[in-house]
């Protein structure tokens, strides 16, 4: 079973916001351009993230989004659950009616796997994800404007 693009994109967008939100609100257009996620899709995701208070918006010129809580208080599971996305390995969605209205023989195995994945993702915060991936240096796209380097003229004479 794979996590759908909805959950993946939500985590990616929140990680981008974590890395680049220190200098003020980040626009969805910036996230869209940097991460290759459509703007309309980000708008849908951020509506869900905003309703769960994982992000806060600032309107008007210079507006955008920033984290609703500190990065060490937002787990990856919080993000995935906020966009109504979850990886469920039972065929019955946890209702225990997998096989003709009764629990199948392997229900507990798949239910335990779902719980382990949730626990794993609940234990990782955005701040930890930044640390794990060594991403601090890669963020801050707003500070990455470098002056162009002009080539130096060769001043040595040919012999």
N, C-alpha and C. Protein backbone atom coordinates (compact mmCIF):
# COMPACT_ATOMS: atom_id res chain seq x y z
N UNK A 1 0.85 -1.19 0.00
CA UNK A 1 0.00 0.00 0.00
C UNK A 1 0.88 1.24 0.00
N UNK A 2 0.50 2.23 -0.74
CA UNK A 2 1.28 3.47 -0.85
C UNK A 2 0.48 4.64 -0.35
N UNK A 3 1.18 5.60 0.19
CA UNK A 3 0.57 6.86 0.56
C UNK A 3 0.28 7.61 -0.73
N UNK A 4 -0.90 8.20 -0.83
CA UNK A 4 -1.24 8.89 -2.07
C UNK A 4 -0.51 10.24 -2.16
N UNK A 5 -0.63 10.87 -3.31
CA UNK A 5 0.03 12.16 -3.52
C UNK A 5 -0.52 13.23 -2.58
N UNK A 6 -1.75 13.10 -2.15
CA UNK A 6 -2.34 14.08 -1.24
C UNK A 6 -1.51 14.18 0.05
N UNK A 7 -1.25 13.06 0.66
CA UNK A 7 -0.44 13.05 1.88
C UNK A 7 1.00 13.43 1.63
N UNK A 8 1.58 12.93 0.55
CA UNK A 8 2.97 13.26 0.21
C UNK A 8 3.14 14.76 -0.05
N UNK A 9 2.24 15.33 -0.82
CA UNK A 9 2.33 16.75 -1.14
C UNK A 9 2.12 17.62 0.10
N UNK A 10 1.22 17.20 0.97
CA UNK A 10 0.98 17.97 2.20
C UNK A 10 2.24 17.99 3.06
N UNK A 11 2.89 16.85 3.21
CA UNK A 11 4.13 16.80 4.00
C UNK A 11 5.22 17.62 3.33
N UNK A 12 5.35 17.50 2.01
CA UNK A 12 6.36 18.27 1.27
C UNK A 12 6.13 19.77 1.43
N UNK A 13 4.89 20.22 1.28
CA UNK A 13 4.57 21.64 1.40
C UNK A 13 4.84 22.15 2.81
N UNK A 14 4.51 21.35 3.82
CA UNK A 14 4.75 21.76 5.20
C UNK A 14 6.24 21.80 5.50
N UNK A 15 7.00 20.90 4.91
CA UNK A 15 8.44 20.93 5.10
C UNK A 15 9.04 22.16 4.43
N UNK A 16 8.56 22.51 3.25
CA UNK A 16 9.00 23.73 2.57
C UNK A 16 8.69 24.95 3.43
N UNK A 17 7.50 24.99 4.00
CA UNK A 17 7.10 26.09 4.87
C UNK A 17 8.00 26.16 6.11
N UNK A 18 8.37 25.02 6.64
CA UNK A 18 9.27 24.97 7.80
C UNK A 18 10.63 25.54 7.45
N UNK A 19 11.13 25.16 6.30
CA UNK A 19 12.47 25.59 5.88
C UNK A 19 12.53 27.06 5.49
N UNK A 20 11.45 27.58 4.94
CA UNK A 20 11.49 28.92 4.36
C UNK A 20 10.62 29.96 5.05
N UNK A 21 9.98 29.60 6.15
CA UNK A 21 9.08 30.52 6.83
C UNK A 21 9.72 31.42 7.87
N UNK A 22 11.02 31.33 8.05
CA UNK A 22 11.68 32.15 9.07
C UNK A 22 11.78 33.62 8.69
N UNK A 23 11.68 33.92 7.42
CA UNK A 23 11.81 35.31 6.95
C UNK A 23 10.47 35.95 6.63
N UNK A 24 9.40 35.38 7.15
CA UNK A 24 8.07 35.92 6.88
C UNK A 24 7.21 34.88 6.20
N UNK A 25 5.97 35.22 5.95
CA UNK A 25 5.04 34.27 5.34
C UNK A 25 5.53 33.79 3.96
N UNK A 26 5.22 32.54 3.66
CA UNK A 26 5.59 31.93 2.39
C UNK A 26 4.32 31.81 1.55
N UNK A 27 4.38 32.21 0.30
CA UNK A 27 3.20 32.13 -0.56
C UNK A 27 3.07 30.73 -1.15
N UNK A 28 1.84 30.38 -1.47
CA UNK A 28 1.61 29.10 -2.13
C UNK A 28 2.27 29.08 -3.50
N UNK A 29 2.36 30.24 -4.14
CA UNK A 29 3.03 30.32 -5.44
C UNK A 29 4.50 29.93 -5.31
N UNK A 30 5.15 30.36 -4.23
CA UNK A 30 6.56 30.00 -4.02
C UNK A 30 6.70 28.49 -3.81
N UNK A 31 5.82 27.93 -2.99
CA UNK A 31 5.86 26.48 -2.76
C UNK A 31 5.57 25.74 -4.05
N UNK A 32 4.59 26.22 -4.80
CA UNK A 32 4.22 25.59 -6.07
C UNK A 32 5.40 25.54 -7.03
N UNK A 33 6.07 26.67 -7.15
CA UNK A 33 7.21 26.75 -8.08
C UNK A 33 8.37 25.88 -7.62
N UNK A 34 8.70 25.95 -6.35
CA UNK A 34 9.83 25.22 -5.83
C UNK A 34 9.61 23.71 -5.82
N UNK A 35 8.41 23.29 -5.44
CA UNK A 35 8.14 21.86 -5.25
C UNK A 35 7.44 21.20 -6.43
N UNK A 36 7.01 21.98 -7.40
CA UNK A 36 6.36 21.39 -8.57
C UNK A 36 4.97 20.84 -8.26
N UNK A 37 4.27 21.51 -7.35
CA UNK A 37 2.91 21.11 -6.99
C UNK A 37 1.97 22.20 -7.52
N UNK A 38 0.87 21.80 -8.15
CA UNK A 38 -0.02 22.80 -8.74
C UNK A 38 -0.59 23.71 -7.65
N UNK A 39 -0.76 24.97 -8.01
CA UNK A 39 -1.26 25.97 -7.09
C UNK A 39 -2.66 25.63 -6.60
N UNK A 40 -3.53 25.16 -7.49
CA UNK A 40 -4.90 24.84 -7.08
C UNK A 40 -4.92 23.65 -6.11
N UNK A 41 -4.02 22.70 -6.29
CA UNK A 41 -3.93 21.55 -5.38
C UNK A 41 -3.44 22.02 -4.01
N UNK A 42 -2.44 22.92 -4.00
CA UNK A 42 -1.94 23.47 -2.74
C UNK A 42 -3.03 24.24 -2.00
N UNK A 43 -3.87 24.97 -2.73
CA UNK A 43 -4.96 25.71 -2.10
C UNK A 43 -5.90 24.76 -1.37
N UNK A 44 -6.21 23.61 -1.97
CA UNK A 44 -7.06 22.61 -1.33
C UNK A 44 -6.39 22.05 -0.08
N UNK A 45 -5.11 21.70 -0.20
CA UNK A 45 -4.38 21.13 0.93
C UNK A 45 -4.30 22.13 2.08
N UNK A 46 -3.99 23.39 1.76
CA UNK A 46 -3.82 24.39 2.80
C UNK A 46 -5.14 24.76 3.47
N UNK A 47 -6.25 24.61 2.77
CA UNK A 47 -7.56 24.82 3.41
C UNK A 47 -7.75 23.78 4.52
N UNK A 48 -7.38 22.54 4.24
CA UNK A 48 -7.48 21.48 5.25
C UNK A 48 -6.47 21.69 6.38
N UNK A 49 -5.25 22.06 6.03
CA UNK A 49 -4.22 22.30 7.04
C UNK A 49 -4.60 23.49 7.94
N UNK A 50 -5.19 24.51 7.33
CA UNK A 50 -5.64 25.69 8.08
C UNK A 50 -6.77 25.32 9.04
N UNK A 51 -7.69 24.48 8.61
CA UNK A 51 -8.82 24.09 9.46
C UNK A 51 -8.35 23.29 10.68
N UNK A 52 -7.22 22.63 10.59
CA UNK A 52 -6.65 21.89 11.72
C UNK A 52 -5.61 22.71 12.46
N UNK A 53 -5.50 23.99 12.10
CA UNK A 53 -4.60 24.96 12.74
C UNK A 53 -3.12 24.57 12.65
N UNK A 54 -2.77 23.86 11.59
CA UNK A 54 -1.37 23.52 11.36
C UNK A 54 -0.65 24.65 10.63
N UNK A 55 -1.41 25.49 9.92
CA UNK A 55 -0.86 26.69 9.27
C UNK A 55 -1.76 27.87 9.58
N UNK A 56 -1.17 29.05 9.49
CA UNK A 56 -1.93 30.30 9.63
C UNK A 56 -1.62 31.15 8.42
N UNK A 57 -2.62 31.87 7.96
CA UNK A 57 -2.45 32.71 6.78
C UNK A 57 -2.40 34.18 7.12
N UNK A 58 -1.70 34.92 6.27
CA UNK A 58 -1.64 36.37 6.36
C UNK A 58 -2.12 36.89 5.03
N UNK A 59 -3.13 37.76 5.04
CA UNK A 59 -3.69 38.29 3.80
C UNK A 59 -2.97 39.55 3.35
N UNK A 60 -3.18 39.88 2.10
CA UNK A 60 -2.68 41.14 1.57
C UNK A 60 -1.28 41.05 1.01
N UNK A 61 -0.75 42.21 0.57
CA UNK A 61 0.61 42.25 0.03
C UNK A 61 1.60 41.77 1.07
N UNK A 62 2.50 40.93 0.65
CA UNK A 62 3.48 40.36 1.57
C UNK A 62 2.90 39.23 2.40
N UNK A 63 1.69 38.81 2.07
CA UNK A 63 1.03 37.74 2.81
C UNK A 63 1.48 36.36 2.37
N UNK A 64 0.94 35.39 2.99
CA UNK A 64 1.26 34.00 2.71
C UNK A 64 0.93 33.16 3.92
N UNK A 65 1.68 32.08 4.11
CA UNK A 65 1.42 31.17 5.20
C UNK A 65 2.66 30.99 6.06
N UNK A 66 2.40 30.65 7.32
CA UNK A 66 3.45 30.23 8.22
C UNK A 66 2.88 29.12 9.10
N UNK A 67 3.75 28.41 9.81
CA UNK A 67 3.30 27.30 10.64
C UNK A 67 2.37 27.78 11.73
N UNK A 68 1.35 26.99 12.02
CA UNK A 68 0.40 27.31 13.07
C UNK A 68 0.93 27.00 14.46
N UNK A 69 1.92 26.14 14.54
CA UNK A 69 2.58 25.79 15.79
C UNK A 69 4.07 25.66 15.49
N UNK A 70 4.87 25.50 16.52
CA UNK A 70 6.29 25.29 16.32
C UNK A 70 6.53 23.99 15.56
N UNK A 71 7.60 23.93 14.79
CA UNK A 71 7.90 22.75 13.97
C UNK A 71 8.09 21.49 14.82
N UNK A 72 8.53 21.65 16.05
CA UNK A 72 8.71 20.47 16.91
C UNK A 72 7.42 20.03 17.58
N UNK A 73 6.31 20.71 17.26
CA UNK A 73 5.00 20.35 17.81
C UNK A 73 4.07 19.78 16.74
N UNK A 74 4.54 19.70 15.50
CA UNK A 74 3.72 19.18 14.40
C UNK A 74 4.33 17.88 13.90
N UNK A 75 3.58 16.79 14.09
CA UNK A 75 4.08 15.50 13.62
C UNK A 75 3.66 15.26 12.17
N UNK A 76 4.36 14.35 11.53
CA UNK A 76 4.02 13.98 10.16
C UNK A 76 2.62 13.35 10.13
N UNK A 77 2.27 12.60 11.16
CA UNK A 77 0.92 12.02 11.24
C UNK A 77 -0.14 13.11 11.34
N UNK A 78 0.15 14.21 12.06
CA UNK A 78 -0.79 15.33 12.15
C UNK A 78 -1.11 15.86 10.76
N UNK A 79 -0.07 16.00 9.94
CA UNK A 79 -0.24 16.55 8.59
C UNK A 79 -1.06 15.62 7.72
N UNK A 80 -0.71 14.34 7.74
CA UNK A 80 -1.40 13.36 6.91
C UNK A 80 -2.86 13.26 7.31
N UNK A 81 -3.12 13.22 8.60
CA UNK A 81 -4.51 13.13 9.08
C UNK A 81 -5.30 14.40 8.76
N UNK A 82 -4.64 15.55 8.76
CA UNK A 82 -5.32 16.82 8.47
C UNK A 82 -5.88 16.87 7.06
N UNK A 83 -5.24 16.21 6.12
CA UNK A 83 -5.73 16.21 4.74
C UNK A 83 -6.58 14.96 4.45
N UNK A 84 -7.07 14.35 5.55
CA UNK A 84 -7.94 13.18 5.46
C UNK A 84 -7.32 12.04 4.68
N UNK A 85 -6.07 11.82 4.95
CA UNK A 85 -5.33 10.78 4.25
C UNK A 85 -4.78 9.83 5.30
N UNK A 86 -4.98 8.57 5.09
CA UNK A 86 -4.36 7.61 5.99
C UNK A 86 -4.12 6.31 5.27
N UNK A 87 -3.06 5.65 5.65
CA UNK A 87 -2.73 4.36 5.08
C UNK A 87 -3.35 3.30 5.97
N UNK A 88 -4.36 2.64 5.47
CA UNK A 88 -5.07 1.61 6.22
C UNK A 88 -4.87 0.30 5.50
N UNK A 89 -4.34 -0.68 6.19
CA UNK A 89 -4.01 -1.94 5.54
C UNK A 89 -5.11 -2.99 5.64
N UNK A 90 -6.10 -2.77 6.50
CA UNK A 90 -7.20 -3.73 6.54
C UNK A 90 -8.13 -3.45 5.37
N UNK A 91 -8.77 -4.46 4.90
CA UNK A 91 -9.69 -4.27 3.78
C UNK A 91 -11.02 -3.68 4.22
N UNK A 92 -11.26 -3.67 5.52
CA UNK A 92 -12.56 -3.24 6.04
C UNK A 92 -12.53 -1.85 6.65
N UNK A 93 -11.38 -1.18 6.59
CA UNK A 93 -11.27 0.15 7.20
C UNK A 93 -11.34 0.09 8.71
N UNK A 94 -10.98 -1.04 9.29
CA UNK A 94 -10.98 -1.18 10.75
C UNK A 94 -12.31 -1.61 11.33
N UNK A 95 -13.29 -1.92 10.49
CA UNK A 95 -14.63 -2.28 10.98
C UNK A 95 -14.76 -3.75 11.39
N UNK A 96 -13.75 -4.53 11.10
CA UNK A 96 -13.73 -5.96 11.46
C UNK A 96 -14.83 -6.77 10.75
N UNK A 97 -15.18 -6.33 9.55
CA UNK A 97 -16.18 -7.07 8.77
C UNK A 97 -15.61 -7.43 7.40
N UNK A 98 -14.35 -7.83 7.40
CA UNK A 98 -13.57 -8.03 6.18
C UNK A 98 -14.11 -9.16 5.29
N UNK A 99 -14.61 -10.20 5.92
CA UNK A 99 -14.98 -11.38 5.15
C UNK A 99 -16.42 -11.77 5.48
N UNK A 100 -17.30 -11.42 4.58
CA UNK A 100 -18.73 -11.73 4.75
C UNK A 100 -19.27 -11.23 6.10
N UNK A 101 -18.90 -10.01 6.46
CA UNK A 101 -19.40 -9.41 7.70
C UNK A 101 -18.66 -9.83 8.95
N UNK A 102 -17.65 -10.66 8.81
CA UNK A 102 -16.87 -11.11 9.97
C UNK A 102 -15.41 -10.71 9.77
N UNK A 103 -14.69 -10.73 10.85
CA UNK A 103 -13.26 -10.41 10.79
C UNK A 103 -12.51 -11.52 10.06
N UNK A 104 -11.65 -11.10 9.13
CA UNK A 104 -10.85 -12.08 8.39
C UNK A 104 -9.73 -12.62 9.28
N UNK A 105 -9.11 -13.70 8.86
CA UNK A 105 -8.05 -14.34 9.65
C UNK A 105 -6.85 -13.44 9.88
N UNK A 106 -6.56 -12.57 8.92
CA UNK A 106 -5.35 -11.73 9.03
C UNK A 106 -5.65 -10.30 9.46
N UNK A 107 -6.86 -10.03 9.91
CA UNK A 107 -7.25 -8.67 10.29
C UNK A 107 -6.29 -8.07 11.32
N UNK A 108 -5.98 -8.78 12.37
CA UNK A 108 -5.12 -8.24 13.41
C UNK A 108 -3.73 -7.91 12.89
N UNK A 109 -3.22 -8.70 11.98
CA UNK A 109 -1.90 -8.43 11.38
C UNK A 109 -1.90 -7.09 10.67
N UNK A 110 -2.89 -6.87 9.80
CA UNK A 110 -2.95 -5.63 9.03
C UNK A 110 -3.31 -4.44 9.90
N UNK A 111 -4.14 -4.66 10.91
CA UNK A 111 -4.47 -3.59 11.83
C UNK A 111 -3.24 -3.18 12.65
N UNK A 112 -2.47 -4.15 13.09
CA UNK A 112 -1.23 -3.85 13.82
C UNK A 112 -0.24 -3.09 12.95
N UNK A 113 -0.16 -3.46 11.68
CA UNK A 113 0.74 -2.76 10.76
C UNK A 113 0.30 -1.30 10.60
N UNK A 114 -0.98 -1.06 10.45
CA UNK A 114 -1.49 0.31 10.34
C UNK A 114 -1.15 1.11 11.59
N UNK A 115 -1.30 0.49 12.76
CA UNK A 115 -0.98 1.17 14.01
C UNK A 115 0.52 1.47 14.14
N UNK A 116 1.36 0.57 13.67
CA UNK A 116 2.82 0.79 13.71
C UNK A 116 3.21 1.96 12.81
N UNK A 117 2.62 2.03 11.64
CA UNK A 117 2.92 3.13 10.72
C UNK A 117 2.46 4.45 11.33
N UNK A 118 1.28 4.47 11.93
CA UNK A 118 0.80 5.69 12.58
C UNK A 118 1.74 6.10 13.70
N UNK A 119 2.14 5.15 14.54
CA UNK A 119 3.06 5.46 15.65
C UNK A 119 4.38 6.01 15.14
N UNK A 120 4.90 5.42 14.07
CA UNK A 120 6.16 5.87 13.49
C UNK A 120 6.04 7.32 13.00
N UNK A 121 4.98 7.61 12.24
CA UNK A 121 4.79 8.96 11.71
C UNK A 121 4.42 9.96 12.80
N UNK A 122 3.77 9.50 13.86
CA UNK A 122 3.44 10.37 14.98
C UNK A 122 4.70 10.76 15.75
N UNK A 123 5.72 9.90 15.70
CA UNK A 123 6.95 10.15 16.46
C UNK A 123 7.92 11.09 15.76
N UNK A 124 7.63 11.46 14.52
CA UNK A 124 8.53 12.33 13.76
C UNK A 124 7.87 13.70 13.58
N UNK A 125 8.56 14.74 14.02
CA UNK A 125 8.04 16.10 13.85
C UNK A 125 8.71 16.74 12.64
N UNK A 126 8.16 17.86 12.22
CA UNK A 126 8.78 18.61 11.12
C UNK A 126 10.21 19.00 11.48
N UNK A 127 10.43 19.43 12.73
CA UNK A 127 11.78 19.82 13.16
C UNK A 127 12.75 18.65 13.06
N UNK A 128 12.30 17.46 13.47
CA UNK A 128 13.16 16.28 13.38
C UNK A 128 13.44 15.90 11.93
N UNK A 129 12.45 16.07 11.08
CA UNK A 129 12.63 15.75 9.66
C UNK A 129 13.69 16.67 9.05
N UNK A 130 13.67 17.93 9.44
CA UNK A 130 14.68 18.87 8.96
C UNK A 130 16.06 18.41 9.43
N UNK A 131 16.17 18.05 10.70
CA UNK A 131 17.45 17.61 11.25
C UNK A 131 17.92 16.31 10.60
N UNK A 132 17.03 15.34 10.44
CA UNK A 132 17.38 14.04 9.85
C UNK A 132 17.93 14.19 8.44
N UNK A 133 17.31 15.06 7.68
CA UNK A 133 17.70 15.19 6.28
C UNK A 133 18.79 16.21 6.05
N UNK A 134 19.28 16.86 7.10
CA UNK A 134 20.29 17.90 6.92
C UNK A 134 19.80 19.00 6.01
N UNK A 135 18.55 19.40 6.18
CA UNK A 135 17.92 20.33 5.24
C UNK A 135 18.06 21.80 5.61
N UNK A 136 18.58 22.10 6.78
CA UNK A 136 18.67 23.51 7.18
C UNK A 136 19.41 24.35 6.14
N UNK A 137 20.49 23.81 5.63
CA UNK A 137 21.30 24.56 4.68
C UNK A 137 20.62 24.72 3.33
N UNK A 138 19.68 23.84 3.01
CA UNK A 138 19.03 23.88 1.70
C UNK A 138 17.84 24.84 1.66
N UNK A 139 17.33 25.24 2.81
CA UNK A 139 16.17 26.12 2.87
C UNK A 139 16.54 27.56 2.60
N UNK A 140 15.68 28.43 3.03
CA UNK A 140 15.91 29.87 2.93
C UNK A 140 16.12 30.33 1.51
N UNK A 141 15.23 29.97 0.62
CA UNK A 141 15.37 30.37 -0.78
C UNK A 141 15.37 31.88 -0.93
N UNK A 142 14.78 32.59 0.04
CA UNK A 142 14.73 34.04 -0.05
C UNK A 142 16.09 34.67 0.18
N UNK A 143 17.00 33.94 0.80
CA UNK A 143 18.34 34.46 1.07
C UNK A 143 19.36 33.97 0.04
N UNK A 144 18.93 33.22 -0.93
CA UNK A 144 19.86 32.62 -1.86
C UNK A 144 20.11 33.47 -3.10
N UNK A 145 19.75 34.74 -3.07
CA UNK A 145 20.01 35.62 -4.21
C UNK A 145 21.48 35.98 -4.20
N UNK A 146 22.22 35.54 -5.18
CA UNK A 146 23.64 35.82 -5.24
C UNK A 146 23.92 36.77 -6.40
N UNK A 147 24.88 37.60 -6.18
CA UNK A 147 25.29 38.51 -7.24
C UNK A 147 26.01 37.71 -8.32
N UNK A 148 25.80 38.05 -9.59
CA UNK A 148 26.53 37.33 -10.64
C UNK A 148 28.02 37.65 -10.56
N UNK A 149 28.82 36.65 -10.85
CA UNK A 149 30.26 36.81 -10.82
C UNK A 149 30.73 37.18 -12.22
N UNK A 150 31.44 38.30 -12.31
CA UNK A 150 31.95 38.76 -13.60
C UNK A 150 33.31 38.10 -13.85
N UNK A 151 33.55 37.62 -15.05
CA UNK A 151 34.85 37.02 -15.32
C UNK A 151 35.94 38.08 -15.28
N UNK A 152 37.08 37.66 -14.73
CA UNK A 152 38.21 38.58 -14.66
C UNK A 152 38.97 38.59 -16.01
N UNK A 153 39.46 39.74 -16.34
CA UNK A 153 40.26 39.85 -17.58
C UNK A 153 41.64 39.25 -17.31
N UNK A 154 42.15 38.52 -18.27
CA UNK A 154 43.48 37.92 -18.13
C UNK A 154 44.53 39.01 -18.34
N UNK A 155 45.35 39.26 -17.32
CA UNK A 155 46.33 40.33 -17.38
C UNK A 155 47.74 39.83 -17.66
N UNK A 156 47.89 38.55 -17.85
CA UNK A 156 49.23 38.02 -18.10
C UNK A 156 49.57 38.17 -19.58
N UNK A 157 50.77 38.55 -19.84
CA UNK A 157 51.23 38.74 -21.22
C UNK A 157 51.73 37.43 -21.78
N UNK A 158 51.47 37.23 -23.04
CA UNK A 158 51.97 36.00 -23.69
C UNK A 158 53.45 36.16 -23.95
N UNK A 159 54.22 35.15 -23.71
CA UNK A 159 55.67 35.23 -23.90
C UNK A 159 56.06 34.88 -25.29
